[in-house]
Amino acid sequence: MAKTWVGRVRSWITKNMDLPQDVMMDLPRITMIGQIHIYIENHRGLLAFTDKELRLLLKQGQLLIKGKSFVIKTILPEEILLEGKIDQVIYINENPGGTK
């Protein structure tokens, strides 16, 4: 019940105080430049990386990026800059039951 109340308060503050939702709701901010760069802020960690795939942990779920010739240009605790040919960006929602 406390989580629901906290969520309602955050939503109300975000809506009524004109604050960015990504800041108040712990949402990732994803910025893409064409198909060659993607910058992700507010992630929870790197789960997997190859030259064809990047998987990040988010507060709720995961972010999967598929493509070719991936190179991590910058990695910080909550930010990552990926370069390469980006073909897909997939948000994987994790349900409490363990199914996707």
PDB file of N, CA and C in Angstrom:
ATOM      1  N   MET A   1       0.821  -1.187   0.000  1.00  0.00           N
ATOM      2  CA  MET A   1       0.000   0.000   0.000  1.00  0.00           C
ATOM      3  C   MET A   1       0.866   1.252   0.000  1.00  0.00           C
ATOM      4  N   ALA A   2       2.004   1.186   0.702  1.00  0.00           N
ATOM      5  CA  ALA A   2       2.893   2.350   0.758  1.00  0.00           C
ATOM      6  C   ALA A   2       3.456   2.676  -0.620  1.00  0.00           C
ATOM      7  N   LYS A   3       3.773   1.630  -1.414  1.00  0.00           N
ATOM      8  CA  LYS A   3       4.305   1.871  -2.757  1.00  0.00           C
ATOM      9  C   LYS A   3       3.271   2.565  -3.635  1.00  0.00           C
ATOM     10  N   THR A   4       2.010   2.168  -3.504  1.00  0.00           N
ATOM     11  CA  THR A   4       0.949   2.794  -4.282  1.00  0.00           C
ATOM     12  C   THR A   4       0.809   4.256  -3.901  1.00  0.00           C
ATOM     13  N   TRP A   5       0.839   4.551  -2.637  1.00  0.00           N
ATOM     14  CA  TRP A   5       0.720   5.928  -2.161  1.00  0.00           C
ATOM     15  C   TRP A   5       1.897   6.764  -2.646  1.00  0.00           C
ATOM     16  N   VAL A   6       3.102   6.223  -2.540  1.00  0.00           N
ATOM     17  CA  VAL A   6       4.294   6.939  -3.005  1.00  0.00           C
ATOM     18  C   VAL A   6       4.198   7.191  -4.506  1.00  0.00           C
ATOM     19  N   GLY A   7       3.743   6.212  -5.256  1.00  0.00           N
ATOM     20  CA  GLY A   7       3.577   6.370  -6.702  1.00  0.00           C
ATOM     21  C   GLY A   7       2.579   7.454  -7.046  1.00  0.00           C
ATOM     22  N   ARG A   8       1.486   7.507  -6.302  1.00  0.00           N
ATOM     23  CA  ARG A   8       0.477   8.555  -6.534  1.00  0.00           C
ATOM     24  C   ARG A   8       1.030   9.934  -6.224  1.00  0.00           C
ATOM     25  N   VAL A   9       1.785  10.038  -5.141  1.00  0.00           N
ATOM     26  CA  VAL A   9       2.385  11.327  -4.779  1.00  0.00           C
ATOM     27  C   VAL A   9       3.375  11.767  -5.853  1.00  0.00           C
ATOM     28  N   ARG A  10       4.214  10.855  -6.326  1.00  0.00           N
ATOM     29  CA  ARG A  10       5.170  11.197  -7.386  1.00  0.00           C
ATOM     30  C   ARG A  10       4.456  11.648  -8.651  1.00  0.00           C
ATOM     31  N   SER A  11       3.398  10.930  -9.028  1.00  0.00           N
ATOM     32  CA  SER A  11       2.638  11.314 -10.224  1.00  0.00           C
ATOM     33  C   SER A  11       2.026  12.696 -10.061  1.00  0.00           C
ATOM     34  N   TRP A  12       1.455  12.959  -8.897  1.00  0.00           N
ATOM     35  CA  TRP A  12       0.835  14.263  -8.644  1.00  0.00           C
ATOM     36  C   TRP A  12       1.876  15.376  -8.698  1.00  0.00           C
ATOM     37  N   ILE A  13       3.025  15.160  -8.054  1.00  0.00           N
ATOM     38  CA  ILE A  13       4.091  16.170  -8.053  1.00  0.00           C
ATOM     39  C   ILE A  13       4.583  16.411  -9.474  1.00  0.00           C
ATOM     40  N   THR A  14       4.793  15.341 -10.221  1.00  0.00           N
ATOM     41  CA  THR A  14       5.274  15.470 -11.599  1.00  0.00           C
ATOM     42  C   THR A  14       4.290  16.267 -12.447  1.00  0.00           C
ATOM     43  N   LYS A  15       3.012  15.945 -12.319  1.00  0.00           N
ATOM     44  CA  LYS A  15       1.993  16.606 -13.129  1.00  0.00           C
ATOM     45  C   LYS A  15       1.805  18.068 -12.729  1.00  0.00           C
ATOM     46  N   ASN A  16       1.735  18.338 -11.441  1.00  0.00           N
ATOM     47  CA  ASN A  16       1.396  19.682 -10.966  1.00  0.00           C
ATOM     48  C   ASN A  16       2.584  20.621 -10.827  1.00  0.00           C
ATOM     49  N   MET A  17       3.788  20.101 -10.769  1.00  0.00           N
ATOM     50  CA  MET A  17       4.962  20.958 -10.606  1.00  0.00           C
ATOM     51  C   MET A  17       5.773  21.053 -11.901  1.00  0.00           C
ATOM     52  N   ASP A  18       5.275  20.459 -12.983  1.00  0.00           N
ATOM     53  CA  ASP A  18       5.958  20.487 -14.280  1.00  0.00           C
ATOM     54  C   ASP A  18       7.389  19.970 -14.206  1.00  0.00           C
ATOM     55  N   LEU A  19       7.593  18.896 -13.456  1.00  0.00           N
ATOM     56  CA  LEU A  19       8.907  18.268 -13.372  1.00  0.00           C
ATOM     57  C   LEU A  19       8.995  17.150 -14.407  1.00  0.00           C
ATOM     58  N   PRO A  20      10.183  16.888 -14.936  1.00  0.00           N
ATOM     59  CA  PRO A  20      10.321  15.807 -15.922  1.00  0.00           C
ATOM     60  C   PRO A  20       9.969  14.450 -15.316  1.00  0.00           C
ATOM     61  N   GLN A  21       9.186  13.662 -16.052  1.00  0.00           N
ATOM     62  CA  GLN A  21       8.763  12.356 -15.545  1.00  0.00           C
ATOM     63  C   GLN A  21       9.930  11.412 -15.341  1.00  0.00           C
ATOM     64  N   ASP A  22      10.954  11.481 -16.191  1.00  0.00           N
ATOM     65  CA  ASP A  22      12.077  10.556 -16.044  1.00  0.00           C
ATOM     66  C   ASP A  22      12.804  10.760 -14.726  1.00  0.00           C
ATOM     67  N   VAL A  23      12.815  11.985 -14.216  1.00  0.00           N
ATOM     68  CA  VAL A  23      13.483  12.275 -12.946  1.00  0.00           C
ATOM     69  C   VAL A  23      12.647  11.773 -11.775  1.00  0.00           C
ATOM     70  N   MET A  24      11.380  12.098 -11.766  1.00  0.00           N
ATOM     71  CA  MET A  24      10.521  11.756 -10.631  1.00  0.00           C
ATOM     72  C   MET A  24      10.129  10.276 -10.589  1.00  0.00           C
ATOM     73  N   MET A  25      10.003   9.643 -11.739  1.00  0.00           N
ATOM     74  CA  MET A  25       9.497   8.276 -11.781  1.00  0.00           C
ATOM     75  C   MET A  25      10.600   7.239 -12.010  1.00  0.00           C
ATOM     76  N   ASP A  26      11.865   7.637 -11.963  1.00  0.00           N
ATOM     77  CA  ASP A  26      12.993   6.727 -12.205  1.00  0.00           C
ATOM     78  C   ASP A  26      12.894   6.023 -13.556  1.00  0.00           C
ATOM     79  N   LEU A  27      12.485   6.762 -14.572  1.00  0.00           N
ATOM     80  CA  LEU A  27      12.388   6.211 -15.920  1.00  0.00           C
ATOM     81  C   LEU A  27      13.687   6.449 -16.671  1.00  0.00           C
ATOM     82  N   PRO A  28      14.036   5.557 -17.594  1.00  0.00           N
ATOM     83  CA  PRO A  28      15.241   5.807 -18.388  1.00  0.00           C
ATOM     84  C   PRO A  28      14.982   6.906 -19.415  1.00  0.00           C
ATOM     85  N   ARG A  29      16.008   7.675 -19.718  1.00  0.00           N
ATOM     86  CA  ARG A  29      15.948   8.666 -20.794  1.00  0.00           C
ATOM     87  C   ARG A  29      16.830   8.121 -21.908  1.00  0.00           C
ATOM     88  N   ILE A  30      16.229   7.944 -23.083  1.00  0.00           N
ATOM     89  CA  ILE A  30      16.928   7.350 -24.217  1.00  0.00           C
ATOM     90  C   ILE A  30      16.988   8.372 -25.342  1.00  0.00           C
ATOM     91  N   THR A  31      18.210   8.678 -25.791  1.00  0.00           N
ATOM     92  CA  THR A  31      18.409   9.622 -26.884  1.00  0.00           C
ATOM     93  C   THR A  31      19.135   8.901 -28.012  1.00  0.00           C
ATOM     94  N   MET A  32      18.518   8.892 -29.198  1.00  0.00           N
ATOM     95  CA  MET A  32      19.142   8.260 -30.364  1.00  0.00           C
ATOM     96  C   MET A  32      19.488   9.313 -31.398  1.00  0.00           C
ATOM     97  N   ILE A  33      20.639   9.145 -32.015  1.00  0.00           N
ATOM     98  CA  ILE A  33      21.041   9.982 -33.135  1.00  0.00           C
ATOM     99  C   ILE A  33      21.113   9.053 -34.342  1.00  0.00           C
ATOM    100  N   GLY A  34      20.075   9.124 -35.175  1.00  0.00           N
ATOM    101  CA  GLY A  34      19.982   8.214 -36.311  1.00  0.00           C
ATOM    102  C   GLY A  34      20.040   6.770 -35.849  1.00  0.00           C
ATOM    103  N   GLN A  35      20.786   5.972 -36.583  1.00  0.00           N
ATOM    104  CA  GLN A  35      20.991   4.569 -36.211  1.00  0.00           C
ATOM    105  C   GLN A  35      22.412   4.334 -35.721  1.00  0.00           C
ATOM    106  N   ILE A  36      23.152   5.411 -35.431  1.00  0.00           N
ATOM    107  CA  ILE A  36      24.571   5.230 -35.113  1.00  0.00           C
ATOM    108  C   ILE A  36      24.941   5.453 -33.653  1.00  0.00           C
ATOM    109  N   HIS A  37      24.151   6.215 -32.896  1.00  0.00           N
ATOM    110  CA  HIS A  37      24.437   6.466 -31.481  1.00  0.00           C
ATOM    111  C   HIS A  37      23.164   6.304 -30.668  1.00  0.00           C
ATOM    112  N   ILE A  38      23.311   5.768 -29.471  1.00  0.00           N
ATOM    113  CA  ILE A  38      22.216   5.761 -28.509  1.00  0.00           C
ATOM    114  C   ILE A  38      22.811   6.071 -27.140  1.00  0.00           C
ATOM    115  N   TYR A  39      22.171   7.007 -26.437  1.00  0.00           N
ATOM    116  CA  TYR A  39      22.622   7.448 -25.120  1.00  0.00           C
ATOM    117  C   TYR A  39      21.505   7.145 -24.137  1.00  0.00           C
ATOM    118  N   ILE A  40      21.798   6.338 -23.129  1.00  0.00           N
ATOM    119  CA  ILE A  40      20.798   5.931 -22.149  1.00  0.00           C
ATOM    120  C   ILE A  40      21.214   6.441 -20.780  1.00  0.00           C
ATOM    121  N   GLU A  41      20.298   7.162 -20.139  1.00  0.00           N
ATOM    122  CA  GLU A  41      20.517   7.661 -18.783  1.00  0.00           C
ATOM    123  C   GLU A  41      19.553   6.953 -17.835  1.00  0.00           C
ATOM    124  N   ASN A  42      19.924   6.858 -16.585  1.00  0.00           N
ATOM    125  CA  ASN A  42      19.093   6.320 -15.515  1.00  0.00           C
ATOM    126  C   ASN A  42      18.844   4.816 -15.671  1.00  0.00           C
ATOM    127  N   HIS A  43      19.884   4.072 -16.049  1.00  0.00           N
ATOM    128  CA  HIS A  43      19.781   2.610 -16.054  1.00  0.00           C
ATOM    129  C   HIS A  43      20.353   2.087 -14.735  1.00  0.00           C
ATOM    130  N   ARG A  44      20.153   0.807 -14.468  1.00  0.00           N
ATOM    131  CA  ARG A  44      20.586   0.200 -13.205  1.00  0.00           C
ATOM    132  C   ARG A  44      21.799  -0.712 -13.349  1.00  0.00           C
ATOM    133  N   GLY A  45      22.316  -0.830 -14.566  1.00  0.00           N
ATOM    134  CA  GLY A  45      23.508  -1.652 -14.737  1.00  0.00           C
ATOM    135  C   GLY A  45      23.533  -2.382 -16.060  1.00  0.00           C
ATOM    136  N   LEU A  46      24.723  -2.771 -16.453  1.00  0.00           N
ATOM    137  CA  LEU A  46      24.957  -3.508 -17.693  1.00  0.00           C
ATOM    138  C   LEU A  46      24.817  -5.000 -17.409  1.00  0.00           C
ATOM    139  N   LEU A  47      23.923  -5.665 -18.132  1.00  0.00           N
ATOM    140  CA  LEU A  47      23.712  -7.102 -17.949  1.00  0.00           C
ATOM    141  C   LEU A  47      24.501  -7.932 -18.952  1.00  0.00           C
ATOM    142  N   ALA A  48      24.566  -7.466 -20.202  1.00  0.00           N
ATOM    143  CA  ALA A  48      25.281  -8.215 -21.238  1.00  0.00           C
ATOM    144  C   ALA A  48      25.722  -7.261 -22.337  1.00  0.00           C
ATOM    145  N   PHE A  49      26.880  -7.594 -22.941  1.00  0.00           N
ATOM    146  CA  PHE A  49      27.366  -6.801 -24.062  1.00  0.00           C
ATOM    147  C   PHE A  49      28.149  -7.677 -25.025  1.00  0.00           C
ATOM    148  N   THR A  50      27.799  -7.574 -26.311  1.00  0.00           N
ATOM    149  CA  THR A  50      28.592  -8.142 -27.399  1.00  0.00           C
ATOM    150  C   THR A  50      28.629  -7.083 -28.495  1.00  0.00           C
ATOM    151  N   ASP A  51      29.299  -7.390 -29.589  1.00  0.00           N
ATOM    152  CA  ASP A  51      29.333  -6.413 -30.682  1.00  0.00           C
ATOM    153  C   ASP A  51      28.000  -6.338 -31.430  1.00  0.00           C
ATOM    154  N   LYS A  52      27.025  -7.204 -31.051  1.00  0.00           N
ATOM    155  CA  LYS A  52      25.706  -7.210 -31.699  1.00  0.00           C
ATOM    156  C   LYS A  52      24.547  -6.962 -30.746  1.00  0.00           C
ATOM    157  N   GLU A  53      24.816  -6.886 -29.432  1.00  0.00           N
ATOM    158  CA  GLU A  53      23.718  -6.770 -28.472  1.00  0.00           C
ATOM    159  C   GLU A  53      24.178  -6.091 -27.186  1.00  0.00           C
ATOM    160  N   LEU A  54      23.297  -5.260 -26.639  1.00  0.00           N
ATOM    161  CA  LEU A  54      23.518  -4.624 -25.337  1.00  0.00           C
ATOM    162  C   LEU A  54      22.244  -4.808 -24.530  1.00  0.00           C
ATOM    163  N   ARG A  55      22.383  -5.263 -23.289  1.00  0.00           N
ATOM    164  CA  ARG A  55      21.226  -5.444 -22.415  1.00  0.00           C
ATOM    165  C   ARG A  55      21.487  -4.700 -21.116  1.00  0.00           C
ATOM    166  N   LEU A  56      20.541  -3.807 -20.762  1.00  0.00           N
ATOM    167  CA  LEU A  56      20.659  -3.003 -19.547  1.00  0.00           C
ATOM    168  C   LEU A  56      19.524  -3.325 -18.593  1.00  0.00           C
ATOM    169  N   LEU A  57      19.815  -3.277 -17.303  1.00  0.00           N
ATOM    170  CA  LEU A  57      18.798  -3.419 -16.277  1.00  0.00           C
ATOM    171  C   LEU A  57      18.183  -2.048 -16.022  1.00  0.00           C
ATOM    172  N   LEU A  58      16.855  -1.999 -15.952  1.00  0.00           N
ATOM    173  CA  LEU A  58      16.131  -0.775 -15.626  1.00  0.00           C
ATOM    174  C   LEU A  58      15.425  -0.973 -14.298  1.00  0.00           C
ATOM    175  N   LYS A  59      14.837   0.069 -13.760  1.00  0.00           N
ATOM    176  CA  LYS A  59      14.102  -0.076 -12.504  1.00  0.00           C
ATOM    177  C   LYS A  59      12.986  -1.106 -12.670  1.00  0.00           C
ATOM    178  N   GLN A  60      12.298  -1.047 -13.802  1.00  0.00           N
ATOM    179  CA  GLN A  60      11.257  -2.031 -14.094  1.00  0.00           C
ATOM    180  C   GLN A  60      11.550  -2.650 -15.448  1.00  0.00           C
ATOM    181  N   GLY A  61      12.205  -3.772 -15.462  1.00  0.00           N
ATOM    182  CA  GLY A  61      12.465  -4.478 -16.698  1.00  0.00           C
ATOM    183  C   GLY A  61      13.878  -4.301 -17.214  1.00  0.00           C
ATOM    184  N   GLN A  62      14.009  -4.500 -18.515  1.00  0.00           N
ATOM    185  CA  GLN A  62      15.313  -4.426 -19.171  1.00  0.00           C
ATOM    186  C   GLN A  62      15.172  -3.704 -20.503  1.00  0.00           C
ATOM    187  N   LEU A  63      16.300  -3.214 -20.994  1.00  0.00           N
ATOM    188  CA  LEU A  63      16.361  -2.602 -22.312  1.00  0.00           C
ATOM    189  C   LEU A  63      17.333  -3.424 -23.144  1.00  0.00           C
ATOM    190  N   LEU A  64      16.875  -3.899 -24.293  1.00  0.00           N
ATOM    191  CA  LEU A  64      17.687  -4.711 -25.194  1.00  0.00           C
ATOM    192  C   LEU A  64      17.892  -3.935 -26.489  1.00  0.00           C
ATOM    193  N   ILE A  65      19.142  -3.775 -26.880  1.00  0.00           N
ATOM    194  CA  ILE A  65      19.483  -3.068 -28.111  1.00  0.00           C
ATOM    195  C   ILE A  65      20.226  -4.050 -29.000  1.00  0.00           C
ATOM    196  N   LYS A  66      19.755  -4.208 -30.245  1.00  0.00           N
ATOM    197  CA  LYS A  66      20.363  -5.140 -31.192  1.00  0.00           C
ATOM    198  C   LYS A  66      20.862  -4.383 -32.411  1.00  0.00           C
ATOM    199  N   GLY A  67      21.965  -4.862 -32.970  1.00  0.00           N
ATOM    200  CA  GLY A  67      22.530  -4.231 -34.152  1.00  0.00           C
ATOM    201  C   GLY A  67      23.857  -4.854 -34.527  1.00  0.00           C
ATOM    202  N   LYS A  68      24.787  -4.014 -35.014  1.00  0.00           N
ATOM    203  CA  LYS A  68      26.091  -4.504 -35.482  1.00  0.00           C
ATOM    204  C   LYS A  68      27.191  -3.531 -35.087  1.00  0.00           C
ATOM    205  N   SER A  69      28.375  -4.065 -34.948  1.00  0.00           N
ATOM    206  CA  SER A  69      29.594  -3.269 -34.714  1.00  0.00           C
ATOM    207  C   SER A  69      29.485  -2.359 -33.492  1.00  0.00           C
ATOM    208  N   PHE A  70      28.911  -2.865 -32.397  1.00  0.00           N
ATOM    209  CA  PHE A  70      28.730  -2.046 -31.198  1.00  0.00           C
ATOM    210  C   PHE A  70      30.050  -1.788 -30.487  1.00  0.00           C
ATOM    211  N   VAL A  71      30.200  -0.559 -30.031  1.00  0.00           N
ATOM    212  CA  VAL A  71      31.328  -0.134 -29.208  1.00  0.00           C
ATOM    213  C   VAL A  71      30.758   0.756 -28.114  1.00  0.00           C
ATOM    214  N   ILE A  72      31.109   0.469 -26.859  1.00  0.00           N
ATOM    215  CA  ILE A  72      30.708   1.345 -25.757  1.00  0.00           C
ATOM    216  C   ILE A  72      31.700   2.496 -25.712  1.00  0.00           C
ATOM    217  N   LYS A  73      31.225   3.699 -25.988  1.00  0.00           N
ATOM    218  CA  LYS A  73      32.088   4.879 -26.001  1.00  0.00           C
ATOM    219  C   LYS A  73      32.250   5.470 -24.605  1.00  0.00           C
ATOM    220  N   THR A  74      31.173   5.445 -23.823  1.00  0.00           N
ATOM    221  CA  THR A  74      31.201   5.970 -22.458  1.00  0.00           C
ATOM    222  C   THR A  74      30.336   5.081 -21.589  1.00  0.00           C
ATOM    223  N   ILE A  75      30.828   4.779 -20.382  1.00  0.00           N
ATOM    224  CA  ILE A  75      30.005   4.054 -19.424  1.00  0.00           C
ATOM    225  C   ILE A  75      30.246   4.653 -18.048  1.00  0.00           C
ATOM    226  N   LEU A  76      29.159   5.067 -17.425  1.00  0.00           N
ATOM    227  CA  LEU A  76      29.157   5.636 -16.079  1.00  0.00           C
ATOM    228  C   LEU A  76      28.131   4.854 -15.265  1.00  0.00           C
ATOM    229  N   PRO A  77      28.077   5.055 -13.949  1.00  0.00           N
ATOM    230  CA  PRO A  77      27.147   4.264 -13.137  1.00  0.00           C
ATOM    231  C   PRO A  77      25.690   4.276 -13.615  1.00  0.00           C
ATOM    232  N   GLU A  78      25.195   5.394 -14.159  1.00  0.00           N
ATOM    233  CA  GLU A  78      23.803   5.451 -14.609  1.00  0.00           C
ATOM    234  C   GLU A  78      23.661   5.929 -16.049  1.00  0.00           C
ATOM    235  N   GLU A  79      24.768   5.993 -16.797  1.00  0.00           N
ATOM    236  CA  GLU A  79      24.726   6.480 -18.175  1.00  0.00           C
ATOM    237  C   GLU A  79      25.600   5.600 -19.060  1.00  0.00           C
ATOM    238  N   ILE A  80      25.183   5.468 -20.313  1.00  0.00           N
ATOM    239  CA  ILE A  80      25.985   4.709 -21.273  1.00  0.00           C
ATOM    240  C   ILE A  80      25.786   5.299 -22.668  1.00  0.00           C
ATOM    241  N   LEU A  81      26.869   5.386 -23.419  1.00  0.00           N
ATOM    242  CA  LEU A  81      26.829   5.836 -24.808  1.00  0.00           C
ATOM    243  C   LEU A  81      27.312   4.688 -25.678  1.00  0.00           C
ATOM    244  N   LEU A  82      26.449   4.238 -26.571  1.00  0.00           N
ATOM    245  CA  LEU A  82      26.744   3.117 -27.453  1.00  0.00           C
ATOM    246  C   LEU A  82      26.815   3.620 -28.889  1.00  0.00           C
ATOM    247  N   GLU A  83      27.811   3.119 -29.610  1.00  0.00           N
ATOM    248  CA  GLU A  83      27.985   3.487 -31.016  1.00  0.00           C
ATOM    249  C   GLU A  83      27.992   2.221 -31.857  1.00  0.00           C
ATOM    250  N   GLY A  84      27.416   2.290 -33.035  1.00  0.00           N
ATOM    251  CA  GLY A  84      27.347   1.165 -33.962  1.00  0.00           C
ATOM    252  C   GLY A  84      26.114   1.319 -34.827  1.00  0.00           C
ATOM    253  N   LYS A  85      25.732   0.267 -35.537  1.00  0.00           N
ATOM    254  CA  LYS A  85      24.498   0.311 -36.325  1.00  0.00           C
ATOM    255  C   LYS A  85      23.383  -0.292 -35.488  1.00  0.00           C
ATOM    256  N   ILE A  86      22.442   0.540 -35.067  1.00  0.00           N
ATOM    257  CA  ILE A  86      21.347   0.117 -34.198  1.00  0.00           C
ATOM    258  C   ILE A  86      20.165  -0.304 -35.064  1.00  0.00           C
ATOM    259  N   ASP A  87      19.738  -1.567 -34.911  1.00  0.00           N
ATOM    260  CA  ASP A  87      18.602  -2.088 -35.670  1.00  0.00           C
ATOM    261  C   ASP A  87      17.324  -2.138 -34.842  1.00  0.00           C
ATOM    262  N   GLN A  88      17.445  -2.470 -33.553  1.00  0.00           N
ATOM    263  CA  GLN A  88      16.264  -2.618 -32.702  1.00  0.00           C
ATOM    264  C   GLN A  88      16.545  -2.101 -31.299  1.00  0.00           C
ATOM    265  N   VAL A  89      15.533  -1.477 -30.714  1.00  0.00           N
ATOM    266  CA  VAL A  89      15.547  -1.101 -29.301  1.00  0.00           C
ATOM    267  C   VAL A  89      14.279  -1.708 -28.713  1.00  0.00           C
ATOM    268  N   ILE A  90      14.457  -2.638 -27.777  1.00  0.00           N
ATOM    269  CA  ILE A  90      13.332  -3.400 -27.237  1.00  0.00           C
ATOM    270  C   ILE A  90      13.267  -3.199 -25.727  1.00  0.00           C
ATOM    271  N   TYR A  91      12.085  -2.819 -25.243  1.00  0.00           N
ATOM    272  CA  TYR A  91      11.853  -2.705 -23.810  1.00  0.00           C
ATOM    273  C   TYR A  91      11.224  -4.011 -23.344  1.00  0.00           C
ATOM    274  N   ILE A  92      11.869  -4.682 -22.397  1.00  0.00           N
ATOM    275  CA  ILE A  92      11.373  -5.949 -21.861  1.00  0.00           C
ATOM    276  C   ILE A  92      10.807  -5.669 -20.479  1.00  0.00           C
ATOM    277  N   ASN A  93       9.496  -5.807 -20.362  1.00  0.00           N
ATOM    278  CA  ASN A  93       8.822  -5.545 -19.100  1.00  0.00           C
ATOM    279  C   ASN A  93       8.842  -6.806 -18.255  1.00  0.00           C
ATOM    280  N   GLU A  94       9.290  -6.696 -17.018  1.00  0.00           N
ATOM    281  CA  GLU A  94       9.321  -7.852 -16.119  1.00  0.00           C
ATOM    282  C   GLU A  94       8.077  -7.844 -15.256  1.00  0.00           C
ATOM    283  N   ASN A  95       7.315  -8.927 -15.331  1.00  0.00           N
ATOM    284  CA  ASN A  95       6.133  -9.087 -14.495  1.00  0.00           C
ATOM    285  C   ASN A  95       6.517  -9.842 -13.231  1.00  0.00           C
ATOM    286  N   PRO A  96       5.790  -9.611 -12.119  1.00  0.00           N
ATOM    287  CA  PRO A  96       6.106 -10.311 -10.871  1.00  0.00           C
ATOM    288  C   PRO A  96       6.057 -11.828 -11.001  1.00  0.00           C
ATOM    289  N   GLY A  97       5.239 -12.363 -11.918  1.00  0.00           N
ATOM    290  CA  GLY A  97       5.128 -13.806 -12.092  1.00  0.00           C
ATOM    291  C   GLY A  97       6.297 -14.416 -12.833  1.00  0.00           C
ATOM    292  N   GLY A  98       7.206 -13.593 -13.335  1.00  0.00           N
ATOM    293  CA  GLY A  98       8.378 -14.095 -14.016  1.00  0.00           C
ATOM    294  C   GLY A  98       8.208 -14.244 -15.513  1.00  0.00           C
ATOM    295  N   THR A  99       7.005 -13.987 -16.043  1.00  0.00           N
ATOM    296  CA  THR A  99       6.807 -14.071 -17.486  1.00  0.00           C
ATOM    297  C   THR A  99       7.020 -12.712 -18.111  1.00  0.00           C
ATOM    298  N   LYS A 100       7.349 -12.721 -19.383  1.00  0.00           N
ATOM    299  CA  LYS A 100       7.591 -11.459 -20.089  1.00  0.00           C
ATOM    300  C   LYS A 100       6.410 -11.095 -20.946  1.00  0.00           C
TER     301      LYS A 100
END
